[in-house]
C-alpha atoms as a PDB file:
ATOM      1  CA  MET A   1     106.192 119.723  75.496  1.00  0.00           C
ATOM      2  CA  SER A   2     107.842 122.700  74.085  1.00  0.00           C
ATOM      3  CA  ARG A   3     111.559 123.743  74.241  1.00  0.00           C
ATOM      4  CA  LEU A   4     110.299 126.323  76.459  1.00  0.00           C
ATOM      5  CA  ASP A   5     108.423 123.808  78.741  1.00  0.00           C
ATOM      6  CA  ARG A   6     111.221 121.587  78.770  1.00  0.00           C
ATOM      7  CA  TYR A   7     113.276 124.644  79.736  1.00  0.00           C
ATOM      8  CA  ILE A   8     111.181 125.428  83.114  1.00  0.00           C
ATOM      9  CA  VAL A   9     111.121 121.875  83.801  1.00  0.00           C
ATOM     10  CA  ARG A  10     114.467 121.713  83.888  1.00  0.00           C
ATOM     11  CA  SER A  11     115.297 125.206  86.244  1.00  0.00           C
ATOM     12  CA  VAL A  12     112.475 123.893  88.516  1.00  0.00           C
ATOM     13  CA  LEU A  13     113.976 120.404  89.017  1.00  0.00           C
ATOM     14  CA  GLU A  14     117.443 121.818  89.512  1.00  0.00           C
ATOM     15  CA  GLY A  15     116.154 124.202  92.424  1.00  0.00           C
ATOM     16  CA  VAL A  16     113.948 121.447  93.592  1.00  0.00           C
ATOM     17  CA  GLY A  17     117.510 119.493  93.790  1.00  0.00           C
ATOM     18  CA  LEU A  18     119.456 122.041  95.252  1.00  0.00           C
ATOM     19  CA  VAL A  19     117.006 122.812  98.135  1.00  0.00           C
ATOM     20  CA  ALA A  20     116.587 118.781  98.851  1.00  0.00           C
ATOM     21  CA  LEU A  21     120.197 118.459  99.196  1.00  0.00           C
ATOM     22  CA  VAL A  22     120.618 121.238 101.559  1.00  0.00           C
ATOM     23  CA  LEU A  23     117.132 120.047 103.652  1.00  0.00           C
ATOM     24  CA  LEU A  24     119.357 116.333 103.438  1.00  0.00           C
ATOM     25  CA  SER A  25     122.497 117.505 104.654  1.00  0.00           C
ATOM     26  CA  LEU A  26     120.317 119.060 107.388  1.00  0.00           C
ATOM     27  CA  GLY A  27     118.641 116.218 108.779  1.00  0.00           C
ATOM     28  CA  LEU A  28     121.659 114.065 107.902  1.00  0.00           C
ATOM     29  CA  LEU A  29     123.245 115.718 110.825  1.00  0.00           C
ATOM     30  CA  PHE A  30     120.133 116.169 113.172  1.00  0.00           C
ATOM     31  CA  LEU A  31     119.598 112.302 112.703  1.00  0.00           C
ATOM     32  CA  PHE A  32     123.095 111.759 113.347  1.00  0.00           C
ATOM     33  CA  LEU A  33     123.579 114.239 116.374  1.00  0.00           C
ATOM     34  CA  GLY A  34     120.023 112.235 117.770  1.00  0.00           C
ATOM     35  CA  GLN A  35     122.137 108.880 117.980  1.00  0.00           C
ATOM     36  CA  GLN A  36     124.590 110.280 120.231  1.00  0.00           C
ATOM     37  CA  ASP A  37     123.018 109.008 123.421  1.00  0.00           C
ATOM     38  CA  ASP A  38     123.019 105.802 122.206  1.00  0.00           C
ATOM     39  CA  ILE A  39     126.406 105.345 120.801  1.00  0.00           C
ATOM     40  CA  GLY A  40     128.491 103.209 123.278  1.00  0.00           C
ATOM     41  CA  GLN A  41     125.080 101.122 124.530  1.00  0.00           C
ATOM     42  CA  GLY A  42     126.373  97.488 123.749  1.00  0.00           C
ATOM     43  CA  SER A  43     127.927  97.328 119.899  1.00  0.00           C
ATOM     44  CA  TYR A  44     126.900 100.301 118.964  1.00  0.00           C
ATOM     45  CA  GLY A  45     128.935 102.509 117.721  1.00  0.00           C
ATOM     46  CA  PHE A  46     129.812 105.682 115.188  1.00  0.00           C
ATOM     47  CA  THR A  47     129.884 103.785 111.971  1.00  0.00           C
ATOM     48  CA  ASP A  48     126.412 102.199 113.122  1.00  0.00           C
ATOM     49  CA  ALA A  49     125.168 105.893 114.023  1.00  0.00           C
ATOM     50  CA  VAL A  50     126.174 107.367 110.836  1.00  0.00           C
ATOM     51  CA  ALA A  51     124.169 104.253 108.487  1.00  0.00           C
ATOM     52  CA  PHE A  52     121.399 104.462 110.532  1.00  0.00           C
ATOM     53  CA  ALA A  53     120.832 108.160 109.760  1.00  0.00           C
ATOM     54  CA  LEU A  54     121.651 107.297 105.957  1.00  0.00           C
ATOM     55  CA  MET A  55     119.102 104.537 106.562  1.00  0.00           C
ATOM     56  CA  ASN A  56     117.091 107.008 107.483  1.00  0.00           C
ATOM     57  CA  LEU A  57     117.351 109.668 104.301  1.00  0.00           C
ATOM     58  CA  PRO A  58     115.001 108.711 101.590  1.00  0.00           C
ATOM     59  CA  GLN A  59     112.695 109.007 104.619  1.00  0.00           C
ATOM     60  CA  GLN A  60     113.465 112.761 105.243  1.00  0.00           C
ATOM     61  CA  PHE A  61     113.669 113.215 101.529  1.00  0.00           C
ATOM     62  CA  TRP A  62     109.779 112.199 100.984  1.00  0.00           C
ATOM     63  CA  GLU A  63     108.738 114.062 104.075  1.00  0.00           C
ATOM     64  CA  LEU A  64     110.663 117.018 102.977  1.00  0.00           C
ATOM     65  CA  LEU A  65     109.312 117.290  99.236  1.00  0.00           C
ATOM     66  CA  PRO A  66     107.006 119.388  99.552  1.00  0.00           C
ATOM     67  CA  ILE A  67     109.011 122.089 101.372  1.00  0.00           C
ATOM     68  CA  SER A  68     111.525 121.049  99.117  1.00  0.00           C
ATOM     69  CA  THR A  69     109.768 121.961  96.366  1.00  0.00           C
ATOM     70  CA  LEU A  70     107.946 125.357  97.564  1.00  0.00           C
ATOM     71  CA  ILE A  71     111.333 126.822  98.151  1.00  0.00           C
ATOM     72  CA  GLY A  72     113.341 125.220  94.975  1.00  0.00           C
ATOM     73  CA  ALA A  73     110.202 126.746  92.700  1.00  0.00           C
ATOM     74  CA  MET A  74     110.342 129.847  94.271  1.00  0.00           C
ATOM     75  CA  LEU A  75     113.749 130.130  93.825  1.00  0.00           C
ATOM     76  CA  ALA A  76     114.192 128.814  89.781  1.00  0.00           C
ATOM     77  CA  LEU A  77     110.863 130.951  89.385  1.00  0.00           C
ATOM     78  CA  GLY A  78     112.304 134.011  90.917  1.00  0.00           C
ATOM     79  CA  GLN A  79     115.544 133.352  89.304  1.00  0.00           C
ATOM     80  CA  LEU A  80     113.824 133.534  85.859  1.00  0.00           C
ATOM     81  CA  ALA A  81     111.700 136.243  87.014  1.00  0.00           C
ATOM     82  CA  LYS A  82     114.977 138.403  87.931  1.00  0.00           C
ATOM     83  CA  GLY A  83     116.098 138.269  84.947  1.00  0.00           C
ATOM     84  CA  SER A  84     112.907 138.952  82.897  1.00  0.00           C
ATOM     85  CA  GLU A  85     112.572 135.897  81.177  1.00  0.00           C
ATOM     86  CA  LEU A  86     109.051 135.148  82.236  1.00  0.00           C
ATOM     87  CA  ILE A  87     108.601 138.653  81.133  1.00  0.00           C
ATOM     88  CA  VAL A  88     109.620 137.597  77.681  1.00  0.00           C
ATOM     89  CA  MET A  89     107.507 134.550  77.443  1.00  0.00           C
ATOM     90  CA  ARG A  90     104.078 136.746  78.508  1.00  0.00           C
ATOM     91  CA  ALA A  91     105.225 138.883  75.814  1.00  0.00           C
ATOM     92  CA  SER A  92     105.857 136.161  73.481  1.00  0.00           C
ATOM     93  CA  GLY A  93     102.235 135.283  74.037  1.00  0.00           C
ATOM     94  CA  TRP A  94     102.244 132.679  77.400  1.00  0.00           C
ATOM     95  CA  SER A  95      99.307 133.869  79.676  1.00  0.00           C
ATOM     96  CA  VAL A  96      99.860 133.081  83.472  1.00  0.00           C
ATOM     97  CA  MET A  97      97.803 130.000  82.938  1.00  0.00           C
ATOM     98  CA  ARG A  98     100.253 128.823  80.438  1.00  0.00           C
ATOM     99  CA  PHE A  99     103.226 128.501  82.493  1.00  0.00           C
ATOM    100  CA  MET A 100     100.869 125.624  84.977  1.00  0.00           C
ATOM    101  CA  ARG A 101     101.948 123.033  82.011  1.00  0.00           C
ATOM    102  CA  PRO A 102     105.372 122.569  82.406  1.00  0.00           C
ATOM    103  CA  LEU A 103     104.912 123.573  86.363  1.00  0.00           C
ATOM    104  CA  THR A 104     102.522 119.957  86.805  1.00  0.00           C
ATOM    105  CA  ILE A 105     104.622 118.249  84.361  1.00  0.00           C
ATOM    106  CA  ALA A 106     107.812 119.039  87.044  1.00  0.00           C
ATOM    107  CA  GLY A 107     105.427 117.956  89.531  1.00  0.00           C
ATOM    108  CA  LEU A 108     104.216 114.771  88.101  1.00  0.00           C
ATOM    109  CA  ILE A 109     108.068 113.824  87.738  1.00  0.00           C
ATOM    110  CA  LEU A 110     108.600 114.907  91.723  1.00  0.00           C
ATOM    111  CA  VAL A 111     105.941 112.674  92.401  1.00  0.00           C
ATOM    112  CA  VAL A 112     106.919 109.688  90.750  1.00  0.00           C
ATOM    113  CA  VAL A 113     110.512 110.386  92.418  1.00  0.00           C
ATOM    114  CA  GLY A 114     108.730 110.764  95.759  1.00  0.00           C
ATOM    115  CA  SER A 115     106.636 107.787  95.251  1.00  0.00           C
ATOM    116  CA  VAL A 116     109.596 105.300  94.616  1.00  0.00           C
ATOM    117  CA  LEU A 117     111.110 106.640  97.331  1.00  0.00           C
ATOM    118  CA  GLY A 118     108.372 106.867  99.867  1.00  0.00           C
ATOM    119  CA  GLU A 119     107.138 103.671  99.131  1.00  0.00           C
ATOM    120  CA  TRP A 120     109.591 101.292  97.952  1.00  0.00           C
ATOM    121  CA  LEU A 121     112.990 102.409  99.366  1.00  0.00           C
ATOM    122  CA  ALA A 122     112.086 104.091 102.699  1.00  0.00           C
ATOM    123  CA  PRO A 123     109.984 101.562 104.687  1.00  0.00           C
ATOM    124  CA  PRO A 124     112.493  98.882 103.817  1.00  0.00           C
ATOM    125  CA  LEU A 125     115.278 101.192 104.724  1.00  0.00           C
ATOM    126  CA  GLN A 126     113.809 102.355 107.906  1.00  0.00           C
ATOM    127  CA  GLN A 127     113.451  98.694 109.512  1.00  0.00           C
ATOM    128  CA  LEU A 128     116.757  97.783 108.578  1.00  0.00           C
ATOM    129  CA  ALA A 129     117.731 100.873 110.451  1.00  0.00           C
ATOM    130  CA  ARG A 130     115.773  99.814 113.158  1.00  0.00           C
ATOM    131  CA  GLN A 131     116.824  96.207 113.355  1.00  0.00           C
ATOM    132  CA  GLN A 132     120.463  96.798 113.101  1.00  0.00           C
ATOM    133  CA  LYS A 133     120.878  99.331 116.273  1.00  0.00           C
ATOM    134  CA  LEU A 134     118.333  97.171 118.303  1.00  0.00           C
ATOM    135  CA  PHE A 135     120.704  93.923 117.269  1.00  0.00           C
ATOM    136  CA  SER A 136     123.917  95.954 118.176  1.00  0.00           C
ATOM    137  CA  LYS A 137     122.117  97.370 121.518  1.00  0.00           C
ATOM    138  CA  PHE A 138     120.567  94.914 123.127  1.00  0.00           C
ATOM    139  CA  GLU A 139     120.903  91.256 123.417  1.00  0.00           C
ATOM    140  CA  ASP A 140     117.845  88.005 123.502  1.00  0.00           C
ATOM    141  CA  VAL A 141     115.862  90.027 120.132  1.00  0.00           C
ATOM    142  CA  SER A 142     114.979  88.071 117.688  1.00  0.00           C
ATOM    143  CA  PHE A 143     112.198  88.962 114.737  1.00  0.00           C
ATOM    144  CA  ALA A 144     110.255  87.152 112.505  1.00  0.00           C
ATOM    145  CA  GLY A 145     108.001  87.886 109.649  1.00  0.00           C
ATOM    146  CA  ARG A 146     106.522  91.143 109.107  1.00  0.00           C
ATOM    147  CA  GLY A 147     104.345  93.061 111.453  1.00  0.00           C
ATOM    148  CA  GLU A 148     104.964  91.034 114.740  1.00  0.00           C
ATOM    149  CA  ALA A 149     108.391  90.966 117.302  1.00  0.00           C
ATOM    150  CA  TRP A 150     109.826  88.170 119.125  1.00  0.00           C
ATOM    151  CA  VAL A 151     111.817  89.025 122.366  1.00  0.00           C
ATOM    152  CA  ARG A 152     112.860  87.204 125.564  1.00  0.00           C
ATOM    153  CA  ASP A 153     112.373  88.859 128.727  1.00  0.00           C
ATOM    154  CA  GLY A 154     113.688  86.602 131.430  1.00  0.00           C
ATOM    155  CA  SER A 155     112.002  83.706 131.815  1.00  0.00           C
ATOM    156  CA  LEU A 156     109.369  85.343 129.158  1.00  0.00           C
ATOM    157  CA  ILE A 157     109.311  85.009 125.119  1.00  0.00           C
ATOM    158  CA  ILE A 158     106.670  87.491 124.250  1.00  0.00           C
ATOM    159  CA  ASN A 159     105.407  87.951 120.563  1.00  0.00           C
ATOM    160  CA  ILE A 160     104.022  91.462 119.935  1.00  0.00           C
ATOM    161  CA  GLU A 161     101.591  91.985 116.642  1.00  0.00           C
ATOM    162  CA  ARG A 162     101.940  95.597 114.595  1.00  0.00           C
ATOM    163  CA  GLN A 163     101.356  98.874 116.288  1.00  0.00           C
ATOM    164  CA  SER A 164      97.545 100.051 115.622  1.00  0.00           C
ATOM    165  CA  GLY A 165      97.760 103.202 117.381  1.00  0.00           C
ATOM    166  CA  SER A 166      99.976 105.393 119.567  1.00  0.00           C
ATOM    167  CA  GLY A 167     101.293 103.113 122.033  1.00  0.00           C
ATOM    168  CA  LEU A 168      98.669 100.876 121.459  1.00  0.00           C
ATOM    169  CA  TYR A 169      99.101  97.233 119.794  1.00  0.00           C
ATOM    170  CA  GLY A 170      97.227  94.450 118.052  1.00  0.00           C
ATOM    171  CA  GLY A 171      98.508  91.426 120.670  1.00  0.00           C
ATOM    172  CA  MET A 172     100.593  89.705 122.728  1.00  0.00           C
ATOM    173  CA  MET A 173     101.678  86.304 123.313  1.00  0.00           C
ATOM    174  CA  ILE A 174     103.306  85.341 126.119  1.00  0.00           C
ATOM    175  CA  TYR A 175     105.213  81.817 126.801  1.00  0.00           C
ATOM    176  CA  GLU A 176     106.197  81.712 130.314  1.00  0.00           C
ATOM    177  CA  ILE A 177     109.253  78.897 130.446  1.00  0.00           C
ATOM    178  CA  SER A 178     110.152  76.809 133.450  1.00  0.00           C
ATOM    179  CA  ASP A 179     113.859  76.743 135.289  1.00  0.00           C
ATOM    180  CA  ASP A 180     113.915  73.308 133.811  1.00  0.00           C
ATOM    181  CA  HIS A 181     112.859  74.937 129.934  1.00  0.00           C
ATOM    182  CA  ARG A 182     109.420  73.928 129.867  1.00  0.00           C
ATOM    183  CA  LEU A 183     106.332  75.570 128.678  1.00  0.00           C
ATOM    184  CA  SER A 184     104.447  76.352 132.323  1.00  0.00           C
ATOM    185  CA  ALA A 185     101.896  78.885 130.760  1.00  0.00           C
ATOM    186  CA  LEU A 186     100.543  80.570 127.909  1.00  0.00           C
ATOM    187  CA  GLY A 187      98.607  83.726 127.637  1.00  0.00           C
ATOM    188  CA  ARG A 188      96.991  85.625 125.175  1.00  0.00           C
ATOM    189  CA  ALA A 189      95.816  89.502 125.089  1.00  0.00           C
ATOM    190  CA  ALA A 190      93.809  91.086 122.479  1.00  0.00           C
ATOM    191  CA  SER A 191      95.630  94.246 122.502  1.00  0.00           C
ATOM    192  CA  ALA A 192      98.615  95.505 124.734  1.00  0.00           C
ATOM    193  CA  ARG A 193      99.085  99.154 125.771  1.00  0.00           C
ATOM    194  CA  VAL A 194     102.579 100.965 127.757  1.00  0.00           C
ATOM    195  CA  ASP A 195     101.014 102.976 130.121  1.00  0.00           C
ATOM    196  CA  SER A 196     102.158 105.811 131.832  1.00  0.00           C
ATOM    197  CA  SER A 197     104.529 104.157 134.337  1.00  0.00           C
ATOM    198  CA  GLY A 198     105.915 101.514 131.768  1.00  0.00           C
ATOM    199  CA  ASP A 199     104.254  98.770 132.392  1.00  0.00           C
ATOM    200  CA  TRP A 200     101.911  96.624 130.320  1.00  0.00           C
ATOM    201  CA  SER A 201      98.622  96.561 129.837  1.00  0.00           C
ATOM    202  CA  LEU A 202      96.790  93.647 128.281  1.00  0.00           C
ATOM    203  CA  GLU A 203      93.319  93.585 127.548  1.00  0.00           C
ATOM    204  CA  GLN A 204      91.051  90.509 127.322  1.00  0.00           C
ATOM    205  CA  TYR A 205      93.853  88.366 128.234  1.00  0.00           C
ATOM    206  CA  SER A 206      93.040  84.328 128.791  1.00  0.00           C
ATOM    207  CA  GLU A 207      95.801  82.341 130.070  1.00  0.00           C
ATOM    208  CA  SER A 208      96.463  78.151 129.508  1.00  0.00           C
ATOM    209  CA  ARG A 209      99.088  77.133 132.783  1.00  0.00           C
ATOM    210  CA  PHE A 210     100.345  73.964 132.411  1.00  0.00           C
ATOM    211  CA  LEU A 211     100.083  72.162 135.872  1.00  0.00           C
ATOM    212  CA  SER A 212     101.628  68.393 136.989  1.00  0.00           C
ATOM    213  CA  ASP A 213      98.218  66.737 136.332  1.00  0.00           C
ATOM    214  CA  ARG A 214      96.293  69.139 134.289  1.00  0.00           C
ATOM    215  CA  VAL A 215      95.728  72.582 132.410  1.00  0.00           C
ATOM    216  CA  ARG A 216      94.537  75.512 134.249  1.00  0.00           C
ATOM    217  CA  ALA A 217      92.471  77.879 132.231  1.00  0.00           C
ATOM    218  CA  GLU A 218      91.668  81.387 133.057  1.00  0.00           C
ATOM    219  CA  GLU A 219      89.768  84.827 131.962  1.00  0.00           C
ATOM    220  CA  ARG A 220      90.406  88.332 132.462  1.00  0.00           C
ATOM    221  CA  GLU A 221      89.471  91.940 131.457  1.00  0.00           C
ATOM    222  CA  SER A 222      92.649  93.051 131.942  1.00  0.00           C
ATOM    223  CA  ARG A 223      96.230  92.326 132.951  1.00  0.00           C
ATOM    224  CA  THR A 224      99.438  93.945 134.303  1.00  0.00           C
ATOM    225  CA  LEU A 225     102.516  92.955 132.986  1.00  0.00           C
ATOM    226  CA  GLN A 226     105.465  94.139 134.379  1.00  0.00           C
ATOM    227  CA  SER A 227     108.965  93.680 132.018  1.00  0.00           C
ATOM    228  CA  ASN A 228     111.887  95.554 130.727  1.00  0.00           C
ATOM    229  CA  LEU A 229     110.511  95.430 127.414  1.00  0.00           C
ATOM    230  CA  SER A 230     110.507  99.539 126.301  1.00  0.00           C
ATOM    231  CA  THR A 231     108.376 100.769 123.336  1.00  0.00           C
ATOM    232  CA  GLU A 232     111.925 100.958 121.192  1.00  0.00           C
ATOM    233  CA  PHE A 233     112.306  97.132 121.263  1.00  0.00           C
ATOM    234  CA  ILE A 234     108.645  96.801 119.697  1.00  0.00           C
ATOM    235  CA  GLY A 235     108.998  99.994 117.212  1.00  0.00           C
ATOM    236  CA  ILE A 236     110.957  97.781 114.624  1.00  0.00           C
ATOM    237  CA  ALA A 237     107.828  95.582 113.824  1.00  0.00           C
ATOM    238  CA  ALA A 238     104.657  97.773 115.223  1.00  0.00           C
ATOM    239  CA  THR A 239     105.161 100.675 112.796  1.00  0.00           C
ATOM    240  CA  MET A 240     103.380 103.416 113.436  1.00  0.00           C
ATOM    241  CA  PRO A 241     100.681 104.192 110.705  1.00  0.00           C
ATOM    242  CA  SER A 242     102.125 106.663 109.309  1.00  0.00           C
ATOM    243  CA  GLU A 243     105.789 105.224 108.594  1.00  0.00           C
ATOM    244  CA  LEU A 244     104.066 102.353 106.622  1.00  0.00           C
ATOM    245  CA  PRO A 245     103.657 102.474 102.915  1.00  0.00           C
ATOM    246  CA  THR A 246     100.198 102.939 101.145  1.00  0.00           C
ATOM    247  CA  LEU A 247      99.513  99.217 100.239  1.00  0.00           C
ATOM    248  CA  ALA A 248     100.134  98.204 103.836  1.00  0.00           C
ATOM    249  CA  LEU A 249      98.034 100.956 104.940  1.00  0.00           C
ATOM    250  CA  TRP A 250      95.015  99.777 102.761  1.00  0.00           C
ATOM    251  CA  ARG A 251      95.531  96.330 103.982  1.00  0.00           C
ATOM    252  CA  LEU A 252      95.710  97.325 107.871  1.00  0.00           C
ATOM    253  CA  TRP A 253      92.703  99.441 107.245  1.00  0.00           C
ATOM    254  CA  GLN A 254      90.522  96.548 105.606  1.00  0.00           C
ATOM    255  CA  HIS A 255      91.850  94.737 108.391  1.00  0.00           C
ATOM    256  CA  LEU A 256      90.921  96.703 111.498  1.00  0.00           C
ATOM    257  CA  ALA A 257      87.570  97.498 109.388  1.00  0.00           C
ATOM    258  CA  ARG A 258      86.710  93.566 108.987  1.00  0.00           C
ATOM    259  CA  ASN A 259      87.065  93.079 112.968  1.00  0.00           C
ATOM    260  CA  GLN A 260      85.180  96.330 113.899  1.00  0.00           C
ATOM    261  CA  LEU A 261      88.610  98.153 115.562  1.00  0.00           C
ATOM    262  CA  ASP A 262      89.242 101.595 115.116  1.00  0.00           C
ATOM    263  CA  VAL A 263      90.323 103.094 111.879  1.00  0.00           C
ATOM    264  CA  GLU A 264      90.704 106.271 111.977  1.00  0.00           C
ATOM    265  CA  SER A 265      94.077 106.874 112.604  1.00  0.00           C
ATOM    266  CA  THR A 266      94.809 104.157 109.610  1.00  0.00           C
ATOM    267  CA  VAL A 267      92.258 105.872 107.364  1.00  0.00           C
ATOM    268  CA  PHE A 268      93.892 109.530 107.978  1.00  0.00           C
ATOM    269  CA  ALA A 269      97.076 108.074 107.169  1.00  0.00           C
ATOM    270  CA  PHE A 270      96.420 106.265 103.908  1.00  0.00           C
ATOM    271  CA  TRP A 271      94.543 109.235 102.612  1.00  0.00           C
ATOM    272  CA  SER A 272      97.427 111.699 104.180  1.00  0.00           C
ATOM    273  CA  ARG A 273     100.004 109.996 102.223  1.00  0.00           C
ATOM    274  CA  ILE A 274      98.526 110.281  99.132  1.00  0.00           C
ATOM    275  CA  ALA A 275      97.644 113.581  99.742  1.00  0.00           C
ATOM    276  CA  ARG A 276     101.778 114.364 100.877  1.00  0.00           C
ATOM    277  CA  THR A 277     102.485 112.449  97.873  1.00  0.00           C
ATOM    278  CA  LEU A 278     100.514 114.836  95.609  1.00  0.00           C
ATOM    279  CA  ALA A 279     101.363 117.825  97.210  1.00  0.00           C
ATOM    280  CA  PRO A 280     104.497 118.923  95.024  1.00  0.00           C
ATOM    281  CA  ILE A 281     102.114 119.660  92.121  1.00  0.00           C
ATOM    282  CA  ALA A 282      99.885 122.238  95.070  1.00  0.00           C
ATOM    283  CA  ALA A 283     103.854 123.646  95.850  1.00  0.00           C
ATOM    284  CA  LEU A 284     105.068 124.261  92.473  1.00  0.00           C
ATOM    285  CA  TRP A 285     101.125 126.074  91.790  1.00  0.00           C
ATOM    286  CA  LEU A 286     101.912 128.365  94.530  1.00  0.00           C
ATOM    287  CA  ALA A 287     104.953 129.201  93.777  1.00  0.00           C
ATOM    288  CA  LEU A 288     104.435 130.886  90.586  1.00  0.00           C
ATOM    289  CA  PRO A 289     102.176 133.914  91.625  1.00  0.00           C
ATOM    290  CA  PHE A 290     105.025 134.871  93.429  1.00  0.00           C
ATOM    291  CA  ALA A 291     106.998 134.682  90.019  1.00  0.00           C
ATOM    292  CA  PHE A 292     104.502 137.594  88.855  1.00  0.00           C
ATOM    293  CA  GLY A 293     104.043 139.341  91.940  1.00  0.00           C
ATOM    294  CA  ALA A 294     105.776 141.122  95.133  1.00  0.00           C
ATOM    295  CA  LEU A 295     108.663 139.234  94.949  1.00  0.00           C
ATOM    296  CA  ARG A 296     109.577 139.541  91.231  1.00  0.00           C
ATOM    297  CA  ASN A 297     112.167 141.636  92.028  1.00  0.00           C
ATOM    298  CA  SER A 298     113.182 140.433  95.519  1.00  0.00           C
ATOM    299  CA  GLY A 299     116.639 138.498  96.157  1.00  0.00           C
ATOM    300  CA  ALA A 300     116.795 135.096  96.579  1.00  0.00           C
ATOM    301  CA  GLY A 301     116.871 135.444 100.445  1.00  0.00           C
ATOM    302  CA  ALA A 302     113.377 136.660 101.227  1.00  0.00           C
ATOM    303  CA  ARG A 303     112.045 133.708  98.611  1.00  0.00           C
ATOM    304  CA  VAL A 304     113.759 131.647 100.764  1.00  0.00           C
ATOM    305  CA  ALA A 305     112.370 133.126 103.870  1.00  0.00           C
ATOM    306  CA  LEU A 306     108.701 132.911 102.694  1.00  0.00           C
ATOM    307  CA  GLY A 307     109.271 129.662 101.382  1.00  0.00           C
ATOM    308  CA  ILE A 308     110.295 128.105 104.530  1.00  0.00           C
ATOM    309  CA  ALA A 309     107.726 129.723 106.219  1.00  0.00           C
ATOM    310  CA  LEU A 310     104.865 128.616 104.253  1.00  0.00           C
ATOM    311  CA  GLY A 311     106.878 125.038 104.470  1.00  0.00           C
ATOM    312  CA  ILE A 312     106.631 125.058 108.147  1.00  0.00           C
ATOM    313  CA  GLY A 313     103.117 125.972 108.413  1.00  0.00           C
ATOM    314  CA  PHE A 314     102.306 122.922 105.709  1.00  0.00           C
ATOM    315  CA  PHE A 315     104.128 120.931 108.278  1.00  0.00           C
ATOM    316  CA  LEU A 316     102.835 122.133 111.425  1.00  0.00           C
ATOM    317  CA  LEU A 317      98.791 122.317 110.274  1.00  0.00           C
ATOM    318  CA  GLN A 318      99.623 118.565 108.921  1.00  0.00           C
ATOM    319  CA  LYS A 319     100.400 117.451 112.378  1.00  0.00           C
ATOM    320  CA  MET A 320      98.121 119.382 114.123  1.00  0.00           C
ATOM    321  CA  LEU A 321      94.944 117.579 111.831  1.00  0.00           C
ATOM    322  CA  GLU A 322      96.833 114.380 112.750  1.00  0.00           C
ATOM    323  CA  SER A 323      96.492 115.095 116.624  1.00  0.00           C
ATOM    324  CA  GLY A 324      93.160 116.591 115.790  1.00  0.00           C
ATOM    325  CA  VAL A 325      92.094 113.270 114.017  1.00  0.00           C
ATOM    326  CA  THR A 326      93.520 110.649 117.113  1.00  0.00           C
ATOM    327  CA  VAL A 327      92.052 113.186 119.859  1.00  0.00           C
ATOM    328  CA  PHE A 328      88.901 114.637 118.904  1.00  0.00           C
ATOM    329  CA  GLY A 329      88.036 112.025 116.413  1.00  0.00           C
ATOM    330  CA  GLY A 330      87.923 114.782 113.288  1.00  0.00           C
ATOM    331  CA  HIS A 331      86.568 113.465 110.040  1.00  0.00           C
ATOM    332  CA  PRO A 332      89.748 111.598 108.485  1.00  0.00           C
ATOM    333  CA  ILE A 333      89.502 111.987 105.005  1.00  0.00           C
ATOM    334  CA  LEU A 334      88.813 115.469 105.370  1.00  0.00           C
ATOM    335  CA  PHE A 335      91.709 116.312 107.586  1.00  0.00           C
ATOM    336  CA  ALA A 336      94.028 114.539 105.646  1.00  0.00           C
ATOM    337  CA  TRP A 337      93.847 116.484 102.726  1.00  0.00           C
ATOM    338  CA  LEU A 338      92.931 119.697 103.877  1.00  0.00           C
ATOM    339  CA  PRO A 339      96.904 121.031 103.817  1.00  0.00           C
ATOM    340  CA  THR A 340      97.396 119.999 100.085  1.00  0.00           C
ATOM    341  CA  GLY A 341      93.845 121.422  99.544  1.00  0.00           C
ATOM    342  CA  LEU A 342      94.514 124.608 101.085  1.00  0.00           C
ATOM    343  CA  MET A 343      97.909 125.170  99.028  1.00  0.00           C
ATOM    344  CA  ALA A 344      96.067 124.139  96.058  1.00  0.00           C
ATOM    345  CA  VAL A 345      93.204 126.638  97.243  1.00  0.00           C
ATOM    346  CA  ALA A 346      95.681 129.186  97.898  1.00  0.00           C
ATOM    347  CA  ALA A 347      97.635 128.840  94.872  1.00  0.00           C
ATOM    348  CA  TRP A 348      94.144 128.911  92.271  1.00  0.00           C
ATOM    349  CA  TRP A 349      93.237 131.899  93.950  1.00  0.00           C
ATOM    350  CA  LEU A 350      96.568 134.204  93.784  1.00  0.00           C
ATOM    351  CA  ILE A 351      97.062 132.961  90.517  1.00  0.00           C
ATOM    352  CA  ARG A 352      93.563 134.707  89.480  1.00  0.00           C
ATOM    353  CA  ARG A 353      94.983 137.613  91.101  1.00  0.00           C
ATOM    354  CA  VAL A 354      97.803 137.901  89.053  1.00  0.00           C
ATOM    355  CA  ARG A 355      95.962 137.441  85.933  1.00  0.00           C
ATOM    356  CA  GLY A 356      93.119 140.280  86.948  1.00  0.00           C
END
C-alpha cells in the first residue's frame, strides 16, 4: 500500500469516526430520553437509565455504521477534492478506478470493526442491559440459561423459550403451584403468542393435573392464558432474530428447518446481517463519484445533507423489506441483499459516468 493509499484510508477513517461520534452522541441522548417513563419504577433510577443507554451504544454503532460511513466518506473525499488533492492525484496518473483500492481497504477495516462490535460486543451488552433494567423494575423474575426465561406470576411459574418471530415464542412450560407449595399441574404449549388484548394464546397445549389419587391428562388445540406478563418481561431472553449474532441466527435457522417451522424471518435476518456488515464497502464506493461530480466544489453542508438523505433511504428500505418478508412472503435472501446491492450498483453506475 503506497503512501497516498494510506493517506486516503486515514482521511476516510477519520471522517467516518467523526460522523459516527456525532451520530452516537445523538443516539445516546435519544436512548436516555426513551428511558424517562421507566425511571422511578421499582429501583430503576437515573444512573440505571444512563447505564442502559451506554450498553446499547455498540448496537447503535453497528446499525448506524453504513450511514456513518457514507456521510463520513463524502465529507473526507469532498474535503480532498476541494483542496484539489484528488485532482493532483489524477494528474499524476491515478484513474477513478484506482481510488477504489484505498476505499476498499478502508471499507474492510470498518467491516472488521463493525463485526467485532456487532457480533461479539453488542449482543451480550444488550442482554445485560435488559437484565439489569428488569431486575430493577420488577420482582419475582429470574433467568437461567440462554434463550429462555423463568418468570413467576402469582401461583404460576412460567418458562418461555426464545422468540422466533414478532410476538411469537418457541414454547411455554407452565407450573401451577398450590397454596401448600406443591406442584398441582404441569402444562406445555408448543408455541405461544401475545394477542391484541395482551393475553397469551397457547397452541397445541397439553396438561397434566395432579389430583389426590391420580393424574389427569388433557390435550387441547389451544388455550388462552391471562397473565400479568408483558412482552417486556420476555424480551430479555426471547430476542428478535434481527438482534441475534450471525452464528446464533445460523443455529436458529437450522433448528427451525429441522423441525419444519417457518424460517423466512430468520433467513432474512441472517443474510441481512451479513449484507449490512459489508455495506460500508458499498457506501465508500458510492461516495467516490460525488467527489468528482457536481458536489466537488460544494460545501460540507451539501455533502452532509446528501449523505443523510441517502442513509435514511438505505435505512427505510431495509425496514420496508423486513416487513415485506414478514407480511408478503418475499424472497428473504433477495430482500436481505437488496439495499446493499442497490448501493453497490448505484456506485458502479455513477463511477462509470464519471470515467466517461
